[in-house]
Protein backbone atom coordinates (compact mmCIF):
# COMPACT_ATOMS: atom_id res chain seq x y z
CA MET A 1 141.48 38.17 160.40
CA LYS A 2 140.12 41.50 159.20
CA ALA A 3 141.88 44.64 160.41
CA VAL A 4 139.97 46.62 163.04
CA LEU A 5 140.35 50.34 162.34
CA LYS A 6 139.79 52.44 165.45
CA ILE A 7 138.84 56.03 164.62
CA ASN A 8 138.15 57.40 168.12
CA ASN A 9 136.73 56.26 171.48
CA HIS A 10 133.23 55.85 169.99
CA LEU A 11 133.81 55.02 166.34
CA SER A 12 135.57 52.08 164.69
CA LEU A 13 135.52 49.83 161.65
CA ARG A 14 135.37 46.11 162.39
CA ASP A 15 134.24 42.78 161.02
CA ALA A 16 130.54 41.90 161.17
CA GLN A 17 129.12 39.71 163.91
CA ALA A 18 125.79 37.95 164.50
CA SER A 19 124.44 40.69 166.81
CA ASP A 20 124.68 43.18 163.93
CA ILE A 21 121.64 41.54 162.36
CA GLU A 22 119.40 42.90 165.12
CA ASP A 23 120.96 46.39 164.90
CA TYR A 24 120.24 46.45 161.18
CA LEU A 25 116.67 45.17 161.53
CA ALA A 26 115.90 47.72 164.28
CA VAL A 27 116.19 50.66 161.83
CA PRO A 28 113.39 50.79 159.22
CA PHE A 29 114.11 51.80 155.63
CA ASN A 30 114.36 55.56 155.28
CA GLU A 31 113.06 57.44 152.24
CA ALA A 32 116.07 59.79 152.08
CA LEU A 33 118.51 56.89 152.36
CA LEU A 34 116.82 54.89 149.62
CA ARG A 35 116.96 57.98 147.38
CA MET A 36 120.69 58.48 148.07
CA TYR A 37 121.33 54.83 147.20
CA GLY A 38 119.33 55.22 143.99
CA SER A 39 116.90 52.53 145.09
CA ASP A 40 113.36 52.26 143.77
CA MET A 41 112.35 50.19 146.79
CA ASN A 42 109.17 51.22 148.61
CA VAL A 43 109.99 52.80 151.98
CA GLU A 44 107.16 50.76 153.53
CA THR A 45 108.97 47.51 152.70
CA ALA A 46 109.91 45.69 155.89
CA LYS A 47 113.47 44.52 156.31
CA GLN A 48 113.80 40.75 156.23
CA LYS A 49 116.02 38.70 158.54
CA SER A 50 117.26 36.72 155.52
CA GLY A 51 118.41 39.95 153.86
CA ALA A 52 120.14 41.08 157.05
CA LYS A 53 121.93 37.73 157.34
CA LEU A 54 123.09 38.04 153.71
CA LEU A 55 124.39 41.57 154.36
CA ILE A 56 126.37 40.38 157.40
CA SER A 57 127.67 37.36 155.49
CA ASN A 58 128.86 39.57 152.61
CA ILE A 59 130.71 41.87 155.01
CA ILE A 60 132.42 38.90 156.66
CA GLU A 61 133.42 37.39 153.30
CA ASN A 62 134.95 40.60 151.90
CA PRO A 63 138.37 41.25 153.52
CA TYR A 64 138.01 44.96 152.69
CA GLU A 65 134.49 45.60 153.97
CA TRP A 66 133.76 46.77 157.48
CA VAL A 67 130.89 47.46 159.83
CA ILE A 68 130.77 51.08 160.98
CA ASP A 69 130.49 50.67 164.74
CA PHE A 70 129.44 53.54 167.01
CA ASP A 71 129.53 52.55 170.70
CA ASP A 72 128.92 48.87 169.83
CA LEU A 73 126.05 49.69 167.47
CA PHE A 74 126.11 48.73 163.78
CA ILE A 75 125.18 51.94 161.94
CA GLY A 76 126.53 51.33 158.44
CA GLN A 77 129.25 49.77 156.34
CA ALA A 78 132.21 50.77 154.20
CA ARG A 79 134.13 48.79 151.59
CA LEU A 80 136.91 48.82 149.09
CA ILE A 81 136.76 46.74 145.90
CA LEU A 82 140.35 46.22 144.84
CA ASP A 83 141.60 46.34 141.27
CA LYS A 84 145.09 44.94 141.81
CA THR A 85 146.01 45.15 138.13
CA ASN A 86 145.64 48.94 138.18
CA ASN A 87 146.59 49.43 141.87
CA LYS A 88 143.33 51.17 142.75
CA ALA A 89 140.07 50.49 144.57
CA LYS A 90 136.45 51.53 144.32
CA PHE A 91 135.11 52.92 147.61
CA ALA A 92 131.57 52.75 148.95
CA ILE A 93 130.07 53.81 152.26
CA GLY A 94 126.57 53.78 153.65
CA ILE A 95 125.29 54.90 157.02
CA PHE A 96 121.82 53.35 157.18
CA ASN A 97 120.93 54.74 160.60
CA PRO A 98 119.73 58.36 160.14
CA ASN A 99 120.40 59.12 163.83
CA PHE A 100 124.08 59.29 162.85
CA TRP A 101 123.78 61.53 159.78
CA ASN A 102 125.27 65.04 159.73
CA GLU A 103 127.71 64.22 162.53
CA GLY A 104 130.86 64.02 160.40
CA ILE A 105 131.00 60.24 160.81
CA GLY A 106 131.02 59.59 157.05
CA THR A 107 134.00 61.90 156.58
CA GLN A 108 135.88 60.32 159.49
CA VAL A 109 135.22 56.81 158.18
CA THR A 110 136.19 57.80 154.64
CA TYR A 111 139.43 59.32 155.86
CA GLN A 112 140.27 56.16 157.87
CA ILE A 113 139.57 53.94 154.86
CA LEU A 114 141.79 56.15 152.69
CA GLU A 115 144.59 55.97 155.24
CA TYR A 116 144.30 52.17 155.21
CA ALA A 117 144.10 52.01 151.40
CA PHE A 118 147.18 54.15 150.83
CA ASN A 119 149.34 53.27 153.84
CA ASN A 120 148.52 49.58 154.34
CA LEU A 121 147.49 48.39 150.89
CA GLY A 122 149.84 50.70 148.98
CA LEU A 123 147.16 51.76 146.50
CA HIS A 124 147.70 54.58 144.03
CA LYS A 125 144.06 55.68 143.63
CA VAL A 126 140.70 55.36 145.35
CA TYR A 127 137.60 56.28 143.37
CA LEU A 128 133.84 56.25 143.72
CA ARG A 129 130.58 56.98 141.96
CA VAL A 130 127.88 59.12 143.60
CA LEU A 131 124.53 60.45 142.43
CA ALA A 132 124.84 64.17 141.69
CA TYR A 133 121.86 64.99 143.90
CA ASN A 134 123.51 63.36 146.94
CA HIS A 135 124.94 66.64 148.21
CA ARG A 136 125.63 65.33 151.74
CA ALA A 137 127.85 62.54 150.42
CA ILE A 138 129.63 64.79 147.91
CA LYS A 139 130.44 67.28 150.68
CA SER A 140 131.80 64.47 152.85
CA TYR A 141 133.95 63.10 150.02
CA LYS A 142 135.33 66.56 149.24
CA ASN A 143 136.13 67.05 152.93
CA ALA A 144 138.15 63.83 152.80
CA GLY A 145 140.09 65.08 149.74
CA PHE A 146 138.23 63.55 146.78
CA ILE A 147 137.86 65.62 143.63
CA ILE A 148 135.23 65.35 140.91
CA GLU A 149 136.86 63.96 137.79
CA GLY A 150 133.85 63.47 135.55
CA SER A 151 130.21 62.55 135.21
CA ASP A 152 127.86 60.10 133.59
CA ARG A 153 125.14 62.49 132.50
CA GLU A 154 121.67 61.04 133.00
CA GLY A 155 123.22 57.58 133.06
CA SER A 156 121.06 56.13 135.83
CA TYR A 157 117.33 55.58 135.47
CA ILE A 158 115.80 55.87 138.95
CA ASN A 159 112.10 56.07 139.78
CA GLY A 160 111.17 57.23 136.30
CA ASN A 161 113.90 59.86 136.02
CA TYR A 162 117.32 59.95 134.44
CA GLU A 163 119.92 60.97 137.02
CA THR A 164 123.56 61.97 136.71
CA ASP A 165 126.38 60.19 138.49
CA LEU A 166 129.61 61.92 139.44
CA TYR A 167 132.96 60.17 139.44
CA MET A 168 135.27 61.26 142.22
CA SER A 169 138.75 60.13 143.15
CA ILE A 170 141.80 60.80 145.24
CA LEU A 171 145.39 59.84 144.48
CA GLN A 172 147.89 58.67 147.07
CA ASP A 173 150.03 61.84 146.82
CA GLU A 174 146.91 64.03 147.12
CA PHE A 175 145.94 62.16 150.27
CA GLU A 176 149.42 62.64 151.72
CA SER A 177 149.32 66.38 150.94
CA ASN A 178 145.85 66.69 152.44
CA PHE A 179 146.96 64.79 155.55
CA ILE A 180 150.01 67.01 156.04
CA ASP A 181 147.92 70.15 155.43
CA LYS A 182 145.58 69.03 158.23
CA GLY A 183 148.46 68.68 160.69
CA GLY A 184 149.31 65.00 160.22
CA HIS A 185 152.79 63.52 160.31
């Protein structure tokens, strides 16, 4: 059984369920979101029920991937991809529902995932890759304690342009210091 991570009275991370398919289908693709994901998909493309079912199935199958639930509404997902050999994990988060952007939810979710990664899984490092133009995500990651450790200059070809990816990470001791600095125990 996947761990449910309660963040506050409205926000939690949980396993996917069948009703999430309808929540996902109810929100059309968003141009800004597709750009942040580095997708070349046309914003006019309709979401397909088969794609939604696959998304839900993938979340259920991955023991370290969760639905972001806000008041019983599926608004996004977060995951860790573990590298047990090197005691680290790659982190990814996406809030597909723009009604929940700029509310600090991404930072809260990221922080909860980091707490789980370091305190429950005993990881040494969590890292990610983000497009350099995704300023909202970079700000959220920095707020959660990530630092930029490098870049892949013009390493992604998106919609006819070469774009730069940033590599960001946080180490377990940095997370602990950040947590204590913010008044944690």
